[in-house]
N, C-alpha and C. Protein backbone atom coordinates (compact mmCIF):
# COMPACT_ATOMS: atom_id res chain seq x y z
N UNK A 1 0.84 -1.18 0.00
CA UNK A 1 0.00 0.00 0.00
C UNK A 1 0.88 1.24 0.00
N UNK A 2 0.60 2.18 -0.87
CA UNK A 2 1.40 3.39 -0.94
C UNK A 2 0.92 4.40 0.10
N UNK A 3 1.79 5.32 0.41
CA UNK A 3 1.49 6.31 1.43
C UNK A 3 0.97 7.59 0.77
N UNK A 4 -0.02 8.21 1.39
CA UNK A 4 -0.58 9.46 0.89
C UNK A 4 0.26 10.63 1.38
N UNK A 5 0.27 11.68 0.59
CA UNK A 5 0.94 12.92 0.96
C UNK A 5 -0.15 13.86 1.46
N UNK A 6 -0.10 14.24 2.73
CA UNK A 6 -1.15 15.06 3.33
C UNK A 6 -0.77 16.54 3.28
N UNK A 7 -1.73 17.36 2.80
CA UNK A 7 -1.54 18.81 2.71
C UNK A 7 -2.71 19.46 3.45
N UNK A 8 -2.40 20.33 4.40
CA UNK A 8 -3.45 21.05 5.15
C UNK A 8 -4.23 21.96 4.22
N UNK A 9 -5.50 22.14 4.51
CA UNK A 9 -6.36 22.96 3.64
C UNK A 9 -5.92 24.42 3.55
N UNK A 10 -5.22 24.91 4.56
CA UNK A 10 -4.79 26.31 4.53
C UNK A 10 -3.50 26.52 3.74
N UNK A 11 -2.94 25.45 3.17
CA UNK A 11 -1.71 25.57 2.38
C UNK A 11 -2.05 25.69 0.90
N UNK A 12 -1.42 26.62 0.24
CA UNK A 12 -1.63 26.82 -1.20
C UNK A 12 -0.64 25.96 -1.97
N UNK A 13 -0.95 24.68 -2.04
CA UNK A 13 -0.09 23.69 -2.70
C UNK A 13 -0.91 22.98 -3.78
N UNK A 14 -0.22 22.25 -4.63
CA UNK A 14 -0.88 21.58 -5.75
C UNK A 14 -2.02 20.66 -5.32
N UNK A 15 -1.85 19.94 -4.23
CA UNK A 15 -2.88 19.00 -3.80
C UNK A 15 -4.19 19.70 -3.43
N UNK A 16 -4.15 20.96 -3.06
CA UNK A 16 -5.36 21.70 -2.70
C UNK A 16 -5.82 22.64 -3.83
N UNK A 17 -5.22 22.53 -4.99
CA UNK A 17 -5.51 23.42 -6.12
C UNK A 17 -6.54 22.79 -7.06
N UNK A 18 -7.40 23.60 -7.63
CA UNK A 18 -8.42 23.11 -8.55
C UNK A 18 -7.85 22.55 -9.83
N UNK A 19 -6.66 22.98 -10.24
CA UNK A 19 -6.08 22.55 -11.50
C UNK A 19 -5.33 21.22 -11.44
N UNK A 20 -4.93 20.80 -10.26
CA UNK A 20 -4.13 19.59 -10.13
C UNK A 20 -4.98 18.38 -10.47
N UNK A 21 -4.50 17.48 -11.32
CA UNK A 21 -5.28 16.36 -11.83
C UNK A 21 -4.98 15.03 -11.14
N UNK A 22 -4.24 15.06 -10.05
CA UNK A 22 -3.90 13.83 -9.35
C UNK A 22 -5.05 13.28 -8.52
N UNK A 23 -4.97 12.00 -8.23
CA UNK A 23 -5.98 11.37 -7.39
C UNK A 23 -5.80 11.86 -5.95
N UNK A 24 -6.89 12.29 -5.34
CA UNK A 24 -6.83 12.84 -3.98
C UNK A 24 -8.17 12.67 -3.30
N UNK A 25 -8.14 12.80 -1.99
CA UNK A 25 -9.38 12.73 -1.21
C UNK A 25 -9.26 13.66 -0.01
N UNK A 26 -10.40 14.09 0.48
CA UNK A 26 -10.43 15.01 1.61
C UNK A 26 -10.30 14.20 2.90
N UNK A 27 -9.45 14.67 3.81
CA UNK A 27 -9.27 14.04 5.11
C UNK A 27 -10.08 14.82 6.14
N UNK A 28 -10.94 14.12 6.87
CA UNK A 28 -11.80 14.74 7.88
C UNK A 28 -11.31 14.41 9.28
N UNK A 29 -11.46 15.37 10.19
CA UNK A 29 -11.18 15.19 11.60
C UNK A 29 -12.38 15.74 12.35
N UNK A 30 -13.04 14.89 13.15
CA UNK A 30 -14.27 15.27 13.85
C UNK A 30 -15.31 15.84 12.89
N UNK A 31 -15.46 15.17 11.75
CA UNK A 31 -16.43 15.52 10.71
C UNK A 31 -16.16 16.84 10.01
N UNK A 32 -14.99 17.40 10.20
CA UNK A 32 -14.64 18.66 9.53
C UNK A 32 -13.47 18.40 8.58
N UNK A 33 -13.51 18.96 7.37
CA UNK A 33 -12.38 18.79 6.46
C UNK A 33 -11.17 19.57 6.96
N UNK A 34 -10.03 18.92 7.06
CA UNK A 34 -8.83 19.59 7.56
C UNK A 34 -7.64 19.48 6.62
N UNK A 35 -7.67 18.50 5.70
CA UNK A 35 -6.52 18.29 4.82
C UNK A 35 -6.95 17.54 3.57
N UNK A 36 -6.04 17.49 2.62
CA UNK A 36 -6.22 16.71 1.41
C UNK A 36 -5.12 15.66 1.38
N UNK A 37 -5.50 14.42 1.13
CA UNK A 37 -4.54 13.34 0.97
C UNK A 37 -4.34 13.10 -0.52
N UNK A 38 -3.16 13.38 -1.01
CA UNK A 38 -2.82 13.10 -2.40
C UNK A 38 -2.37 11.65 -2.47
N UNK A 39 -2.97 10.88 -3.34
CA UNK A 39 -2.72 9.46 -3.40
C UNK A 39 -1.66 9.08 -4.44
N UNK A 40 -1.11 10.07 -5.14
CA UNK A 40 -0.06 9.83 -6.13
C UNK A 40 1.10 10.78 -5.87
N UNK A 41 2.34 10.38 -6.18
CA UNK A 41 3.49 11.24 -5.91
C UNK A 41 3.62 12.44 -6.85
N UNK A 42 3.05 12.35 -8.05
CA UNK A 42 3.03 13.49 -8.97
C UNK A 42 1.91 13.30 -9.97
N UNK A 43 1.44 14.42 -10.54
CA UNK A 43 0.32 14.38 -11.48
C UNK A 43 0.39 15.58 -12.41
N UNK A 44 -0.30 15.50 -13.54
CA UNK A 44 -0.30 16.61 -14.49
C UNK A 44 -0.97 17.87 -13.94
N UNK A 45 -0.44 18.99 -14.35
CA UNK A 45 -1.03 20.30 -14.04
C UNK A 45 -1.18 21.03 -15.37
N UNK A 46 -2.41 21.31 -15.80
CA UNK A 46 -2.60 21.98 -17.08
C UNK A 46 -2.09 23.42 -17.11
N UNK A 47 -1.98 24.04 -15.97
CA UNK A 47 -1.49 25.42 -15.90
C UNK A 47 0.03 25.46 -16.12
N UNK A 48 0.74 24.57 -15.44
CA UNK A 48 2.20 24.53 -15.55
C UNK A 48 2.67 23.68 -16.73
N UNK A 49 1.79 22.91 -17.31
CA UNK A 49 2.06 22.07 -18.48
C UNK A 49 3.12 21.01 -18.24
N UNK A 50 3.15 20.52 -17.02
CA UNK A 50 4.04 19.40 -16.69
C UNK A 50 3.52 18.73 -15.43
N UNK A 51 4.18 17.69 -15.00
CA UNK A 51 3.78 17.01 -13.77
C UNK A 51 4.37 17.73 -12.57
N UNK A 52 3.57 17.82 -11.50
CA UNK A 52 4.03 18.45 -10.27
C UNK A 52 3.72 17.53 -9.09
N UNK A 53 4.43 17.74 -8.01
CA UNK A 53 4.18 16.96 -6.79
C UNK A 53 3.07 17.66 -6.00
N UNK A 54 2.40 16.94 -5.11
CA UNK A 54 1.30 17.54 -4.35
C UNK A 54 1.73 18.68 -3.43
N UNK A 55 2.99 18.73 -3.05
CA UNK A 55 3.47 19.77 -2.14
C UNK A 55 4.07 20.98 -2.81
N UNK A 56 3.96 21.08 -4.14
CA UNK A 56 4.52 22.20 -4.88
C UNK A 56 3.64 23.44 -4.75
N UNK A 57 4.25 24.60 -4.58
CA UNK A 57 3.53 25.87 -4.54
C UNK A 57 3.50 26.47 -5.94
N UNK A 58 2.48 27.31 -6.20
CA UNK A 58 2.35 27.90 -7.54
C UNK A 58 1.65 29.25 -7.43
N UNK A 59 2.06 30.18 -8.27
CA UNK A 59 1.47 31.53 -8.23
C UNK A 59 0.06 31.56 -8.85
N UNK A 60 -0.34 30.53 -9.59
CA UNK A 60 -1.68 30.49 -10.18
C UNK A 60 -2.64 29.62 -9.39
N UNK A 61 -2.31 29.30 -8.14
CA UNK A 61 -3.13 28.44 -7.30
C UNK A 61 -4.53 28.99 -7.15
N UNK A 62 -5.51 28.10 -7.27
CA UNK A 62 -6.92 28.41 -7.02
C UNK A 62 -7.47 27.31 -6.13
N UNK A 63 -8.32 27.61 -5.16
CA UNK A 63 -8.81 26.58 -4.25
C UNK A 63 -9.62 25.51 -4.97
N UNK A 64 -9.42 24.27 -4.57
CA UNK A 64 -10.18 23.14 -5.11
C UNK A 64 -11.62 23.31 -4.70
N UNK A 65 -12.53 23.27 -5.63
CA UNK A 65 -13.94 23.54 -5.36
C UNK A 65 -14.61 22.54 -4.43
N UNK A 66 -14.01 21.36 -4.22
CA UNK A 66 -14.61 20.36 -3.34
C UNK A 66 -14.31 20.60 -1.86
N UNK A 67 -13.41 21.55 -1.56
CA UNK A 67 -13.08 21.78 -0.15
C UNK A 67 -13.60 23.12 0.33
């Protein structure tokens, strides 16, 4: 089983960005969303036009609409 990369919701990183195309899921604590678990080590980003890791920062970051 592979390990997920966890990114807090208040961080402007690829895993919490609307443009990141990697597999991810919302992590809840006491029924409240607190983080995003990225299930892949890197994924395509249409804005940067290459693969990025879930912990990468970007100046075009936009919040993921599901969080």
